[in-house]
Amino acid sequence: MADHNLLGELGEQRAQAYLHSNGYKIKHVNWTFGKFEIDIVAEKDGWLVIVEVKTRSTEYFEAPQEAITNKKIRNIVLAAHEYIQVFDWKGETRFDVISVIPVGQSFKIDHIEDAFLAPVN
């Protein structure tokens, strides 16, 4: 497996651990709908939380959360809409971004709640 794939996997594991330690219930990881994927689906305080995880080896060129394009947002929203239908979710939903950057033997984790709104068509 390529180094960047290993780093991405490690980042998602760190994001899951972070969410769990902050009271989130992890419902699904890498949930797919067609070619679209949701990194983490979690629940907390009656909210369905759709989490996009961005892991980078450094934030020197671009912060991880800045790598989320409008097209990526649309894809996440499409997958989230399908998830809500499949699992008959009736509560509120929000979209969060967690960036993970290795710092020495640890990780810098930045959790941005309500990072973007679903686009209106």
Protein backbone atom coordinates (compact mmCIF):
# COMPACT_ATOMS: atom_id res chain seq x y z
CA MET A 1 0.00 0.00 0.00
CA ALA A 2 1.30 3.47 -0.86
CA ASP A 3 2.53 5.69 1.98
CA HIS A 4 -0.21 8.28 1.36
CA ASN A 5 -2.87 5.53 1.66
CA LEU A 6 -1.37 4.36 4.96
CA LEU A 7 -1.33 7.95 6.21
CA GLY A 8 -4.97 8.39 5.18
CA GLU A 9 -5.99 5.21 6.99
CA LEU A 10 -4.12 6.28 10.09
CA GLY A 11 -5.78 9.69 9.91
CA GLU A 12 -9.23 8.13 9.76
CA GLN A 13 -8.40 5.91 12.74
CA ARG A 14 -7.24 8.95 14.72
CA ALA A 15 -10.38 10.87 13.75
CA GLN A 16 -12.58 7.97 14.92
CA ALA A 17 -10.73 7.78 18.23
CA TYR A 18 -11.07 11.55 18.65
CA LEU A 19 -14.82 11.44 17.97
CA HIS A 20 -15.33 8.47 20.29
CA SER A 21 -13.43 10.20 23.11
CA ASN A 22 -15.65 13.26 22.63
CA GLY A 23 -18.92 11.39 23.05
CA TYR A 24 -19.77 10.57 19.44
CA LYS A 25 -21.22 7.18 18.54
CA ILE A 26 -19.60 5.92 15.35
CA LYS A 27 -22.34 4.41 13.18
CA HIS A 28 -20.44 3.66 9.97
CA VAL A 29 -16.96 4.11 8.51
CA ASN A 30 -16.30 4.43 4.77
CA TRP A 31 -19.99 4.11 3.92
CA THR A 32 -20.49 4.08 0.16
CA PHE A 33 -23.27 4.92 -2.23
CA GLY A 34 -22.24 4.13 -5.78
CA LYS A 35 -18.95 5.90 -6.32
CA PHE A 36 -19.48 8.28 -3.39
CA GLU A 37 -18.16 7.70 0.10
CA ILE A 38 -18.70 9.12 3.57
CA ASP A 39 -15.59 8.76 5.71
CA ILE A 40 -17.39 8.63 9.06
CA VAL A 41 -21.06 8.68 10.02
CA ALA A 42 -21.51 9.46 13.69
CA GLU A 43 -24.27 10.49 16.06
CA LYS A 44 -24.20 12.86 19.00
CA ASP A 45 -26.91 14.70 20.90
CA GLY A 46 -29.60 13.71 18.39
CA TRP A 47 -27.57 14.88 15.39
CA LEU A 48 -26.39 12.76 12.50
CA VAL A 49 -22.85 13.95 11.84
CA ILE A 50 -21.33 13.32 8.42
CA VAL A 51 -17.55 13.65 8.78
CA GLU A 52 -15.03 14.19 6.01
CA VAL A 53 -11.52 13.36 7.19
CA LYS A 54 -8.57 15.07 5.54
CA THR A 55 -5.11 13.85 6.44
CA ARG A 56 -1.95 15.54 5.22
CA SER A 57 1.69 14.99 6.07
CA THR A 58 2.05 18.75 6.50
CA GLU A 59 -0.09 21.87 6.27
CA TYR A 60 2.76 23.80 4.66
CA PHE A 61 1.09 24.12 1.24
CA GLU A 62 -2.58 23.73 2.03
CA ALA A 63 -4.55 23.06 5.18
CA PRO A 64 -6.30 19.68 4.85
CA GLN A 65 -9.80 21.15 5.03
CA GLU A 66 -8.98 23.51 2.14
CA ALA A 67 -8.71 20.44 -0.13
CA ILE A 68 -12.49 19.93 -0.07
CA THR A 69 -13.81 21.23 -3.38
CA ASN A 70 -17.40 22.15 -4.23
CA LYS A 71 -17.60 18.92 -6.26
CA LYS A 72 -16.47 16.92 -3.23
CA ILE A 73 -19.09 18.68 -1.09
CA ARG A 74 -21.82 17.79 -3.62
CA ASN A 75 -20.68 14.15 -3.60
CA ILE A 76 -20.70 13.99 0.20
CA VAL A 77 -24.17 15.56 0.29
CA LEU A 78 -25.48 13.07 -2.30
CA ALA A 79 -24.13 10.16 -0.26
CA ALA A 80 -25.55 11.67 2.95
CA HIS A 81 -28.97 12.07 1.34
CA GLU A 82 -28.94 8.38 0.38
CA TYR A 83 -27.74 7.41 3.87
CA ILE A 84 -30.61 9.37 5.43
CA GLN A 85 -33.10 7.59 3.14
CA VAL A 86 -31.66 4.09 3.64
CA PHE A 87 -31.54 4.37 7.43
CA ASP A 88 -34.72 6.50 7.71
CA TRP A 89 -32.98 9.22 9.73
CA LYS A 90 -35.50 11.72 11.08
CA GLY A 91 -33.26 14.05 13.08
CA GLU A 92 -30.98 16.93 12.22
CA THR A 93 -27.85 16.45 10.12
CA ARG A 94 -24.63 18.41 9.91
CA PHE A 95 -21.40 18.15 7.95
CA ASP A 96 -18.10 18.30 9.83
CA VAL A 97 -14.49 18.20 8.69
CA ILE A 98 -11.68 16.72 10.73
CA SER A 99 -8.15 17.46 9.63
CA VAL A 100 -5.35 15.24 10.86
CA ILE A 101 -1.69 16.21 10.58
CA PRO A 102 1.17 14.21 12.12
CA VAL A 103 3.33 16.20 14.51
CA GLY A 104 6.28 14.18 15.77
CA GLN A 105 4.88 11.05 17.42
CA SER A 106 1.44 12.64 17.87
CA PHE A 107 -1.22 14.21 15.67
CA LYS A 108 -2.75 17.64 15.39
CA ILE A 109 -6.51 17.22 15.07
CA ASP A 110 -8.74 20.10 14.03
CA HIS A 111 -12.49 19.44 14.22
CA ILE A 112 -14.62 21.92 12.31
CA GLU A 113 -18.29 21.48 13.14
CA ASP A 114 -20.87 22.55 10.56
CA ALA A 115 -18.04 23.01 8.06
CA PHE A 116 -20.34 23.42 5.07
CA LEU A 117 -23.99 23.52 4.21
CA ALA A 118 -25.70 21.27 1.71
CA PRO A 119 -25.91 23.14 -1.60
CA VAL A 120 -29.37 24.23 -2.66
CA ASN A 121 -30.22 23.27 -6.25
